[in-house]
Amino acid sequence: ELTARLGDFSERGVVRKSGQTLADLMQERCPLYEKYAHL
């Protein structure tokens, strides 16, 4: 769903490591979102 919405996300001001894909970024960030979310 994110890929469909974003298309090429390299054009956005996104903090990510060189060569990091959207899937890689999600794998890194999703546990943090889950950690901090109340809902």
PDB file of all heavy atoms in Angstrom:
ATOM      1  N   GLU A   1       0.837  -1.208   0.000  1.00  0.00           N
ATOM      2  CA  GLU A   1       0.000   0.000   0.000  1.00  0.00           C
ATOM      3  C   GLU A   1       0.870   1.256   0.000  1.00  0.00           C
ATOM      4  O   GLU A   1       0.599   2.209  -0.726  1.00  0.00           O
ATOM      5  CB  GLU A   1      -0.927  -0.018   1.222  1.00  0.00           C
ATOM      6  CG  GLU A   1      -1.849   1.158   1.294  1.00  0.00           C
ATOM      7  CD  GLU A   1      -3.247   0.891   0.779  1.00  0.00           C
ATOM      8  OE1 GLU A   1      -3.556  -0.247   0.405  1.00  0.00           O
ATOM      9  OE2 GLU A   1      -4.023   1.846   0.727  1.00  0.00           O
ATOM     10  N   LEU A   2       1.936   1.253   0.799  1.00  0.00           N
ATOM     11  CA  LEU A   2       2.829   2.406   0.835  1.00  0.00           C
ATOM     12  C   LEU A   2       3.531   2.614  -0.502  1.00  0.00           C
ATOM     13  O   LEU A   2       3.670   3.742  -0.967  1.00  0.00           O
ATOM     14  CB  LEU A   2       3.873   2.255   1.944  1.00  0.00           C
ATOM     15  CG  LEU A   2       3.384   2.587   3.344  1.00  0.00           C
ATOM     16  CD1 LEU A   2       4.420   2.184   4.380  1.00  0.00           C
ATOM     17  CD2 LEU A   2       3.059   4.069   3.476  1.00  0.00           C
ATOM     18  N   THR A   3       3.947   1.525  -1.121  1.00  0.00           N
ATOM     19  CA  THR A   3       4.599   1.619  -2.431  1.00  0.00           C
ATOM     20  C   THR A   3       3.640   2.238  -3.449  1.00  0.00           C
ATOM     21  O   THR A   3       4.030   3.110  -4.227  1.00  0.00           O
ATOM     22  CB  THR A   3       5.063   0.225  -2.906  1.00  0.00           C
ATOM     23  OG1 THR A   3       5.990  -0.292  -1.943  1.00  0.00           O
ATOM     24  CG2 THR A   3       5.743   0.298  -4.268  1.00  0.00           C
ATOM     25  N   ALA A   4       2.384   1.814  -3.403  1.00  0.00           N
ATOM     26  CA  ALA A   4       1.380   2.365  -4.320  1.00  0.00           C
ATOM     27  C   ALA A   4       1.175   3.865  -4.068  1.00  0.00           C
ATOM     28  O   ALA A   4       1.020   4.637  -5.015  1.00  0.00           O
ATOM     29  CB  ALA A   4       0.061   1.611  -4.168  1.00  0.00           C
ATOM     30  N   ARG A   5       1.198   4.260  -2.817  1.00  0.00           N
ATOM     31  CA  ARG A   5       0.986   5.675  -2.477  1.00  0.00           C
ATOM     32  C   ARG A   5       2.202   6.538  -2.786  1.00  0.00           C
ATOM     33  O   ARG A   5       2.070   7.670  -3.237  1.00  0.00           O
ATOM     34  CB  ARG A   5       0.686   5.831  -0.984  1.00  0.00           C
ATOM     35  CG  ARG A   5      -0.684   5.366  -0.589  1.00  0.00           C
ATOM     36  CD  ARG A   5      -0.913   5.693   0.874  1.00  0.00           C
ATOM     37  NE  ARG A   5      -2.182   5.187   1.322  1.00  0.00           N
ATOM     38  CZ  ARG A   5      -2.788   5.611   2.422  1.00  0.00           C
ATOM     39  NH1 ARG A   5      -2.229   6.538   3.157  1.00  0.00           N
ATOM     40  NH2 ARG A   5      -3.937   5.103   2.778  1.00  0.00           N
ATOM     41  N   LEU A   6       3.400   6.015  -2.499  1.00  0.00           N
ATOM     42  CA  LEU A   6       4.614   6.820  -2.594  1.00  0.00           C
ATOM     43  C   LEU A   6       5.272   6.809  -3.959  1.00  0.00           C
ATOM     44  O   LEU A   6       5.939   7.764  -4.318  1.00  0.00           O
ATOM     45  CB  LEU A   6       5.648   6.336  -1.569  1.00  0.00           C
ATOM     46  CG  LEU A   6       5.373   6.609  -0.105  1.00  0.00           C
ATOM     47  CD1 LEU A   6       6.418   5.923   0.756  1.00  0.00           C
ATOM     48  CD2 LEU A   6       5.360   8.100   0.168  1.00  0.00           C
ATOM     49  N   GLY A   7       5.126   5.704  -4.689  1.00  0.00           N
ATOM     50  CA  GLY A   7       5.907   5.561  -5.914  1.00  0.00           C
ATOM     51  C   GLY A   7       7.377   5.527  -5.535  1.00  0.00           C
ATOM     52  O   GLY A   7       7.773   4.809  -4.625  1.00  0.00           O
ATOM     53  N   ASP A   8       8.182   6.368  -6.199  1.00  0.00           N
ATOM     54  CA  ASP A   8       9.616   6.430  -5.901  1.00  0.00           C
ATOM     55  C   ASP A   8       9.821   7.336  -4.692  1.00  0.00           C
ATOM     56  O   ASP A   8       9.777   8.550  -4.798  1.00  0.00           O
ATOM     57  CB  ASP A   8      10.377   6.978  -7.113  1.00  0.00           C
ATOM     58  CG  ASP A   8      11.871   7.074  -6.862  1.00  0.00           C
ATOM     59  OD1 ASP A   8      12.349   6.535  -5.840  1.00  0.00           O
ATOM     60  OD2 ASP A   8      12.553   7.690  -7.695  1.00  0.00           O
ATOM     61  N   PHE A   9      10.051   6.728  -3.533  1.00  0.00           N
ATOM     62  CA  PHE A   9      10.139   7.540  -2.321  1.00  0.00           C
ATOM     63  C   PHE A   9      11.502   8.196  -2.141  1.00  0.00           C
ATOM     64  O   PHE A   9      11.697   8.942  -1.205  1.00  0.00           O
ATOM     65  CB  PHE A   9       9.714   6.725  -1.090  1.00  0.00           C
ATOM     66  CG  PHE A   9      10.791   5.914  -0.426  1.00  0.00           C
ATOM     67  CD1 PHE A   9      11.101   6.117   0.906  1.00  0.00           C
ATOM     68  CD2 PHE A   9      11.483   4.931  -1.116  1.00  0.00           C
ATOM     69  CE1 PHE A   9      12.071   5.360   1.538  1.00  0.00           C
ATOM     70  CE2 PHE A   9      12.445   4.170  -0.495  1.00  0.00           C
ATOM     71  CZ  PHE A   9      12.746   4.388   0.834  1.00  0.00           C
ATOM     72  N   SER A  10      12.416   7.965  -3.081  1.00  0.00           N
ATOM     73  CA  SER A  10      13.736   8.596  -2.976  1.00  0.00           C
ATOM     74  C   SER A  10      13.636  10.114  -3.159  1.00  0.00           C
ATOM     75  O   SER A  10      14.538  10.838  -2.781  1.00  0.00           O
ATOM     76  CB  SER A  10      14.706   7.999  -3.997  1.00  0.00           C
ATOM     77  OG  SER A  10      14.256   8.268  -5.305  1.00  0.00           O
ATOM     78  N   GLU A  11      12.526  10.581  -3.732  1.00  0.00           N
ATOM     79  CA  GLU A  11      12.345  12.019  -3.951  1.00  0.00           C
ATOM     80  C   GLU A  11      11.856  12.737  -2.696  1.00  0.00           C
ATOM     81  O   GLU A  11      11.877  13.952  -2.632  1.00  0.00           O
ATOM     82  CB  GLU A  11      11.348  12.266  -5.097  1.00  0.00           C
ATOM     83  CG  GLU A  11      11.800  11.712  -6.436  1.00  0.00           C
ATOM     84  CD  GLU A  11      13.129  12.310  -6.897  1.00  0.00           C
ATOM     85  OE1 GLU A  11      13.274  13.541  -6.866  1.00  0.00           O
ATOM     86  OE2 GLU A  11      14.023  11.529  -7.259  1.00  0.00           O
ATOM     87  N   ARG A  12      11.376  11.990  -1.702  1.00  0.00           N
ATOM     88  CA  ARG A  12      10.902  12.605  -0.455  1.00  0.00           C
ATOM     89  C   ARG A  12      12.081  12.805   0.488  1.00  0.00           C
ATOM     90  O   ARG A  12      13.081  12.108   0.394  1.00  0.00           O
ATOM     91  CB  ARG A  12       9.873  11.692   0.224  1.00  0.00           C
ATOM     92  CG  ARG A  12       8.533  11.683  -0.476  1.00  0.00           C
ATOM     93  CD  ARG A  12       7.576  10.745   0.210  1.00  0.00           C
ATOM     94  NE  ARG A  12       7.007  11.316   1.424  1.00  0.00           N
ATOM     95  CZ  ARG A  12       5.724  11.521   1.613  1.00  0.00           C
ATOM     96  NH1 ARG A  12       4.869  11.237   0.667  1.00  0.00           N
ATOM     97  NH2 ARG A  12       5.274  12.003   2.744  1.00  0.00           N
ATOM     98  N   GLY A  13      11.941  13.752   1.413  1.00  0.00           N
ATOM     99  CA  GLY A  13      12.984  13.979   2.418  1.00  0.00           C
ATOM    100  C   GLY A  13      12.894  12.917   3.502  1.00  0.00           C
ATOM    101  O   GLY A  13      12.428  13.193   4.594  1.00  0.00           O
ATOM    102  N   VAL A  14      13.297  11.700   3.167  1.00  0.00           N
ATOM    103  CA  VAL A  14      13.185  10.570   4.089  1.00  0.00           C
ATOM    104  C   VAL A  14      14.568  10.212   4.623  1.00  0.00           C
ATOM    105  O   VAL A  14      15.495  10.005   3.846  1.00  0.00           O
ATOM    106  CB  VAL A  14      12.553   9.340   3.374  1.00  0.00           C
ATOM    107  CG1 VAL A  14      12.525   8.131   4.287  1.00  0.00           C
ATOM    108  CG2 VAL A  14      11.153   9.664   2.879  1.00  0.00           C
ATOM    109  N   VAL A  15      14.672  10.120   5.948  1.00  0.00           N
ATOM    110  CA  VAL A  15      15.924   9.701   6.572  1.00  0.00           C
ATOM    111  C   VAL A  15      16.063   8.196   6.369  1.00  0.00           C
ATOM    112  O   VAL A  15      15.218   7.420   6.820  1.00  0.00           O
ATOM    113  CB  VAL A  15      15.930  10.029   8.086  1.00  0.00           C
ATOM    114  CG1 VAL A  15      17.155   9.438   8.750  1.00  0.00           C
ATOM    115  CG2 VAL A  15      15.866  11.526   8.311  1.00  0.00           C
ATOM    116  N   ARG A  16      17.116   7.815   5.643  1.00  0.00           N
ATOM    117  CA  ARG A  16      17.368   6.385   5.419  1.00  0.00           C
ATOM    118  C   ARG A  16      18.810   6.191   5.009  1.00  0.00           C
ATOM    119  O   ARG A  16      19.459   7.108   4.506  1.00  0.00           O
ATOM    120  CB  ARG A  16      16.428   5.817   4.364  1.00  0.00           C
ATOM    121  CG  ARG A  16      16.615   6.431   2.990  1.00  0.00           C
ATOM    122  CD  ARG A  16      15.504   5.999   2.046  1.00  0.00           C
ATOM    123  NE  ARG A  16      15.626   6.704   0.786  1.00  0.00           N
ATOM    124  CZ  ARG A  16      16.025   6.141  -0.336  1.00  0.00           C
ATOM    125  NH1 ARG A  16      16.335   4.860  -0.375  1.00  0.00           N
ATOM    126  NH2 ARG A  16      16.114   6.833  -1.440  1.00  0.00           N
ATOM    127  N   LYS A  17      19.275   4.975   5.238  1.00  0.00           N
ATOM    128  CA  LYS A  17      20.650   4.648   4.863  1.00  0.00           C
ATOM    129  C   LYS A  17      20.745   4.491   3.347  1.00  0.00           C
ATOM    130  O   LYS A  17      19.772   4.136   2.696  1.00  0.00           O
ATOM    131  CB  LYS A  17      21.077   3.352   5.556  1.00  0.00           C
ATOM    132  CG  LYS A  17      21.119   3.466   7.073  1.00  0.00           C
ATOM    133  CD  LYS A  17      21.340   2.105   7.716  1.00  0.00           C
ATOM    134  CE  LYS A  17      21.192   2.182   9.214  1.00  0.00           C
ATOM    135  NZ  LYS A  17      19.817   2.229   9.675  1.00  0.00           N
ATOM    136  N   SER A  18      21.911   4.717   2.824  1.00  0.00           N
ATOM    137  CA  SER A  18      22.133   4.592   1.392  1.00  0.00           C
ATOM    138  C   SER A  18      21.740   3.192   0.920  1.00  0.00           C
ATOM    139  O   SER A  18      22.130   2.192   1.518  1.00  0.00           O
ATOM    140  CB  SER A  18      23.611   4.859   1.085  1.00  0.00           C
ATOM    141  OG  SER A  18      23.859   4.701  -0.282  1.00  0.00           O
ATOM    142  N   GLY A  19      20.925   3.134  -0.129  1.00  0.00           N
ATOM    143  CA  GLY A  19      20.503   1.857  -0.690  1.00  0.00           C
ATOM    144  C   GLY A  19      19.356   1.182   0.056  1.00  0.00           C
ATOM    145  O   GLY A  19      18.901   0.114  -0.336  1.00  0.00           O
ATOM    146  N   GLN A  20      18.895   1.790   1.127  1.00  0.00           N
ATOM    147  CA  GLN A  20      17.821   1.186   1.930  1.00  0.00           C
ATOM    148  C   GLN A  20      16.495   1.282   1.167  1.00  0.00           C
ATOM    149  O   GLN A  20      16.101   2.359   0.724  1.00  0.00           O
ATOM    150  CB  GLN A  20      17.721   1.911   3.280  1.00  0.00           C
ATOM    151  CG  GLN A  20      16.969   1.157   4.326  1.00  0.00           C
ATOM    152  CD  GLN A  20      17.076   1.831   5.696  1.00  0.00           C
ATOM    153  OE1 GLN A  20      17.150   3.050   5.806  1.00  0.00           O
ATOM    154  NE2 GLN A  20      17.083   1.029   6.739  1.00  0.00           N
ATOM    155  N   THR A  21      15.832   0.157   1.022  1.00  0.00           N
ATOM    156  CA  THR A  21      14.548   0.122   0.326  1.00  0.00           C
ATOM    157  C   THR A  21      13.425   0.478   1.300  1.00  0.00           C
ATOM    158  O   THR A  21      13.629   0.527   2.522  1.00  0.00           O
ATOM    159  CB  THR A  21      14.264  -1.283  -0.238  1.00  0.00           C
ATOM    160  OG1 THR A  21      14.098  -2.186   0.872  1.00  0.00           O
ATOM    161  CG2 THR A  21      15.380  -1.761  -1.159  1.00  0.00           C
ATOM    162  N   LEU A  22      12.241   0.667   0.756  1.00  0.00           N
ATOM    163  CA  LEU A  22      11.071   0.935   1.588  1.00  0.00           C
ATOM    164  C   LEU A  22      10.825  -0.240   2.542  1.00  0.00           C
ATOM    165  O   LEU A  22      10.556  -0.033   3.730  1.00  0.00           O
ATOM    166  CB  LEU A  22       9.841   1.199   0.714  1.00  0.00           C
ATOM    167  CG  LEU A  22       8.557   1.558   1.452  1.00  0.00           C
ATOM    168  CD1 LEU A  22       8.731   2.824   2.284  1.00  0.00           C
ATOM    169  CD2 LEU A  22       7.417   1.744   0.452  1.00  0.00           C
ATOM    170  N   ALA A  23      10.963  -1.463   2.037  1.00  0.00           N
ATOM    171  CA  ALA A  23      10.772  -2.653   2.874  1.00  0.00           C
ATOM    172  C   ALA A  23      11.803  -2.690   4.009  1.00  0.00           C
ATOM    173  O   ALA A  23      11.461  -3.005   5.155  1.00  0.00           O
ATOM    174  CB  ALA A  23      10.856  -3.921   2.028  1.00  0.00           C
ATOM    175  N   ASP A  24      13.053  -2.347   3.697  1.00  0.00           N
ATOM    176  CA  ASP A  24      14.107  -2.298   4.727  1.00  0.00           C
ATOM    177  C   ASP A  24      13.759  -1.262   5.799  1.00  0.00           C
ATOM    178  O   ASP A  24      13.909  -1.517   6.991  1.00  0.00           O
ATOM    179  CB  ASP A  24      15.463  -1.901   4.122  1.00  0.00           C
ATOM    180  CG  ASP A  24      16.018  -2.898   3.131  1.00  0.00           C
ATOM    181  OD1 ASP A  24      15.633  -4.089   3.193  1.00  0.00           O
ATOM    182  OD2 ASP A  24      16.837  -2.486   2.280  1.00  0.00           O
ATOM    183  N   LEU A  25      13.310  -0.097   5.345  1.00  0.00           N
ATOM    184  CA  LEU A  25      12.967   0.987   6.259  1.00  0.00           C
ATOM    185  C   LEU A  25      11.798   0.591   7.157  1.00  0.00           C
ATOM    186  O   LEU A  25      11.811   0.857   8.364  1.00  0.00           O
ATOM    187  CB  LEU A  25      12.642   2.254   5.459  1.00  0.00           C
ATOM    188  CG  LEU A  25      12.632   3.569   6.217  1.00  0.00           C
ATOM    189  CD1 LEU A  25      13.999   3.848   6.833  1.00  0.00           C
ATOM    190  CD2 LEU A  25      12.238   4.709   5.285  1.00  0.00           C
ATOM    191  N   MET A  26      10.827  -0.080   6.580  1.00  0.00           N
ATOM    192  CA  MET A  26       9.675  -0.542   7.366  1.00  0.00           C
ATOM    193  C   MET A  26      10.114  -1.557   8.420  1.00  0.00           C
ATOM    194  O   MET A  26       9.662  -1.502   9.561  1.00  0.00           O
ATOM    195  CB  MET A  26       8.611  -1.155   6.459  1.00  0.00           C
ATOM    196  CG  MET A  26       7.850  -0.135   5.653  1.00  0.00           C
ATOM    197  SD  MET A  26       6.534  -0.882   4.687  1.00  0.00           S
ATOM    198  CE  MET A  26       5.339  -1.223   5.989  1.00  0.00           C
ATOM    199  N   GLN A  27      10.990  -2.462   8.028  1.00  0.00           N
ATOM    200  CA  GLN A  27      11.474  -3.483   8.959  1.00  0.00           C
ATOM    201  C   GLN A  27      12.183  -2.834  10.149  1.00  0.00           C
ATOM    202  O   GLN A  27      12.086  -3.305  11.277  1.00  0.00           O
ATOM    203  CB  GLN A  27      12.410  -4.440   8.227  1.00  0.00           C
ATOM    204  CG  GLN A  27      12.800  -5.651   9.041  1.00  0.00           C
ATOM    205  CD  GLN A  27      13.563  -6.669   8.203  1.00  0.00           C
ATOM    206  OE1 GLN A  27      14.061  -6.373   7.115  1.00  0.00           O
ATOM    207  NE2 GLN A  27      13.656  -7.880   8.711  1.00  0.00           N
ATOM    208  N   GLU A  28      12.868  -1.727   9.896  1.00  0.00           N
ATOM    209  CA  GLU A  28      13.585  -1.009  10.951  1.00  0.00           C
ATOM    210  C   GLU A  28      12.634  -0.187  11.827  1.00  0.00           C
ATOM    211  O   GLU A  28      12.771  -0.161  13.056  1.00  0.00           O
ATOM    212  CB  GLU A  28      14.613  -0.086  10.276  1.00  0.00           C
ATOM    213  CG  GLU A  28      15.453   0.724  11.219  1.00  0.00           C
ATOM    214  CD  GLU A  28      16.467   1.561  10.447  1.00  0.00           C
ATOM    215  OE1 GLU A  28      17.349   0.970   9.783  1.00  0.00           O
ATOM    216  OE2 GLU A  28      16.365   2.802  10.490  1.00  0.00           O
ATOM    217  N   ARG A  29      11.659   0.487  11.201  1.00  0.00           N
ATOM    218  CA  ARG A  29      10.821   1.433  11.934  1.00  0.00           C
ATOM    219  C   ARG A  29       9.569   0.830  12.568  1.00  0.00           C
ATOM    220  O   ARG A  29       9.144   1.308  13.627  1.00  0.00           O
ATOM    221  CB  ARG A  29      10.376   2.571  11.007  1.00  0.00           C
ATOM    222  CG  ARG A  29      11.495   3.506  10.643  1.00  0.00           C
ATOM    223  CD  ARG A  29      10.967   4.668   9.839  1.00  0.00           C
ATOM    224  NE  ARG A  29      12.033   5.563   9.426  1.00  0.00           N
ATOM    225  CZ  ARG A  29      11.831   6.645   8.687  1.00  0.00           C
ATOM    226  NH1 ARG A  29      10.617   6.973   8.302  1.00  0.00           N
ATOM    227  NH2 ARG A  29      12.852   7.415   8.355  1.00  0.00           N
ATOM    228  N   CYS A  30       8.957  -0.160  11.940  1.00  0.00           N
ATOM    229  CA  CYS A  30       7.672  -0.669  12.447  1.00  0.00           C
ATOM    230  C   CYS A  30       7.728  -1.117  13.911  1.00  0.00           C
ATOM    231  O   CYS A  30       6.798  -0.814  14.667  1.00  0.00           O
ATOM    232  CB  CYS A  30       7.103  -1.741  11.525  1.00  0.00           C
ATOM    233  SG  CYS A  30       6.507  -1.027   9.969  1.00  0.00           S
ATOM    234  N   PRO A  31       8.792  -1.804  14.358  1.00  0.00           N
ATOM    235  CA  PRO A  31       8.848  -2.152  15.787  1.00  0.00           C
ATOM    236  C   PRO A  31       8.844  -0.911  16.693  1.00  0.00           C
ATOM    237  O   PRO A  31       8.308  -0.958  17.801  1.00  0.00           O
ATOM    238  CB  PRO A  31      10.166  -2.917  15.923  1.00  0.00           C
ATOM    239  CG  PRO A  31      10.437  -3.454  14.550  1.00  0.00           C
ATOM    240  CD  PRO A  31       9.907  -2.408  13.607  1.00  0.00           C
ATOM    241  N   LEU A  32       9.420   0.197  16.224  1.00  0.00           N
ATOM    242  CA  LEU A  32       9.419   1.438  17.008  1.00  0.00           C
ATOM    243  C   LEU A  32       8.020   2.048  17.047  1.00  0.00           C
ATOM    244  O   LEU A  32       7.568   2.516  18.100  1.00  0.00           O
ATOM    245  CB  LEU A  32      10.431   2.436  16.436  1.00  0.00           C
ATOM    246  CG  LEU A  32      11.893   2.016  16.535  1.00  0.00           C
ATOM    247  CD1 LEU A  32      12.789   2.981  15.757  1.00  0.00           C
ATOM    248  CD2 LEU A  32      12.339   1.924  17.986  1.00  0.00           C
ATOM    249  N   TYR A  33       7.328   2.045  15.903  1.00  0.00           N
ATOM    250  CA  TYR A  33       5.946   2.554  15.889  1.00  0.00           C
ATOM    251  C   TYR A  33       5.096   1.745  16.870  1.00  0.00           C
ATOM    252  O   TYR A  33       4.320   2.306  17.642  1.00  0.00           O
ATOM    253  CB  TYR A  33       5.326   2.461  14.489  1.00  0.00           C
ATOM    254  CG  TYR A  33       6.005   3.305  13.431  1.00  0.00           C
ATOM    255  CD1 TYR A  33       6.291   2.777  12.174  1.00  0.00           C
ATOM    256  CD2 TYR A  33       6.357   4.635  13.661  1.00  0.00           C
ATOM    257  CE1 TYR A  33       6.895   3.542  11.188  1.00  0.00           C
ATOM    258  CE2 TYR A  33       6.970   5.409  12.681  1.00  0.00           C
ATOM    259  CZ  TYR A  33       7.236   4.851  11.445  1.00  0.00           C
ATOM    260  OH  TYR A  33       7.834   5.614  10.474  1.00  0.00           O
ATOM    261  N   GLU A  34       5.254   0.430  16.835  1.00  0.00           N
ATOM    262  CA  GLU A  34       4.475  -0.442  17.719  1.00  0.00           C
ATOM    263  C   GLU A  34       4.832  -0.211  19.183  1.00  0.00           C
ATOM    264  O   GLU A  34       3.962  -0.240  20.055  1.00  0.00           O
ATOM    265  CB  GLU A  34       4.666  -1.904  17.315  1.00  0.00           C
ATOM    266  CG  GLU A  34       3.999  -2.212  15.988  1.00  0.00           C
ATOM    267  CD  GLU A  34       4.411  -3.516  15.350  1.00  0.00           C
ATOM    268  OE1 GLU A  34       5.119  -4.321  16.005  1.00  0.00           O
ATOM    269  OE2 GLU A  34       4.029  -3.750  14.191  1.00  0.00           O
ATOM    270  N   LYS A  35       6.105   0.046  19.454  1.00  0.00           N
ATOM    271  CA  LYS A  35       6.569   0.284  20.823  1.00  0.00           C
ATOM    272  C   LYS A  35       5.910   1.532  21.428  1.00  0.00           C
ATOM    273  O   LYS A  35       5.509   1.533  22.586  1.00  0.00           O
ATOM    274  CB  LYS A  35       8.094   0.447  20.822  1.00  0.00           C
ATOM    275  CG  LYS A  35       8.684   0.892  22.139  1.00  0.00           C
ATOM    276  CD  LYS A  35      10.186   1.124  22.013  1.00  0.00           C
ATOM    277  CE  LYS A  35      10.764   1.704  23.294  1.00  0.00           C
ATOM    278  NZ  LYS A  35      12.205   1.961  23.164  1.00  0.00           N
ATOM    279  N   TYR A  36       5.822   2.596  20.658  1.00  0.00           N
ATOM    280  CA  TYR A  36       5.342   3.872  21.185  1.00  0.00           C
ATOM    281  C   TYR A  36       3.834   4.083  21.070  1.00  0.00           C
ATOM    282  O   TYR A  36       3.285   4.954  21.747  1.00  0.00           O
ATOM    283  CB  TYR A  36       6.083   5.038  20.513  1.00  0.00           C
ATOM    284  CG  TYR A  36       7.531   5.110  20.899  1.00  0.00           C
ATOM    285  CD1 TYR A  36       8.544   4.931  19.955  1.00  0.00           C
ATOM    286  CD2 TYR A  36       7.909   5.347  22.222  1.00  0.00           C
ATOM    287  CE1 TYR A  36       9.886   4.999  20.318  1.00  0.00           C
ATOM    288  CE2 TYR A  36       9.248   5.410  22.590  1.00  0.00           C
ATOM    289  CZ  TYR A  36      10.225   5.239  21.632  1.00  0.00           C
ATOM    290  OH  TYR A  36      11.555   5.298  22.000  1.00  0.00           O
ATOM    291  N   ALA A  37       3.157   3.317  20.230  1.00  0.00           N
ATOM    292  CA  ALA A  37       1.721   3.539  19.995  1.00  0.00           C
ATOM    293  C   ALA A  37       0.868   3.080  21.167  1.00  0.00           C
ATOM    294  O   ALA A  37       1.081   2.005  21.720  1.00  0.00           O
ATOM    295  CB  ALA A  37       1.289   2.811  18.728  1.00  0.00           C
ATOM    296  N   HIS A  38      -0.092   3.926  21.533  1.00  0.00           N
ATOM    297  CA  HIS A  38      -1.147   3.497  22.455  1.00  0.00           C
ATOM    298  C   HIS A  38      -2.212   2.724  21.671  1.00  0.00           C
ATOM    299  O   HIS A  38      -2.805   1.783  22.178  1.00  0.00           O
ATOM    300  CB  HIS A  38      -1.819   4.706  23.121  1.00  0.00           C
ATOM    301  CG  HIS A  38      -0.927   5.453  24.064  1.00  0.00           C
ATOM    302  ND1 HIS A  38      -0.440   6.710  23.787  1.00  0.00           N
ATOM    303  CD2 HIS A  38      -0.435   5.124  25.283  1.00  0.00           C
ATOM    304  CE1 HIS A  38       0.306   7.129  24.808  1.00  0.00           C
ATOM    305  NE2 HIS A  38       0.330   6.175  25.713  1.00  0.00           N
ATOM    306  N   LEU A  39      -2.454   3.163  20.430  1.00  0.00           N
ATOM    307  CA  LEU A  39      -3.465   2.559  19.556  1.00  0.00           C
ATOM    308  C   LEU A  39      -2.868   2.357  18.169  1.00  0.00           C
ATOM    309  O   LEU A  39      -2.069   3.176  17.715  1.00  0.00           O
ATOM    310  CB  LEU A  39      -4.680   3.487  19.409  1.00  0.00           C
ATOM    311  CG  LEU A  39      -5.394   3.968  20.671  1.00  0.00           C
ATOM    312  CD1 LEU A  39      -6.411   5.039  20.313  1.00  0.00           C
ATOM    313  CD2 LEU A  39      -6.059   2.792  21.359  1.00  0.00           C
TER     314      LEU A  39
END
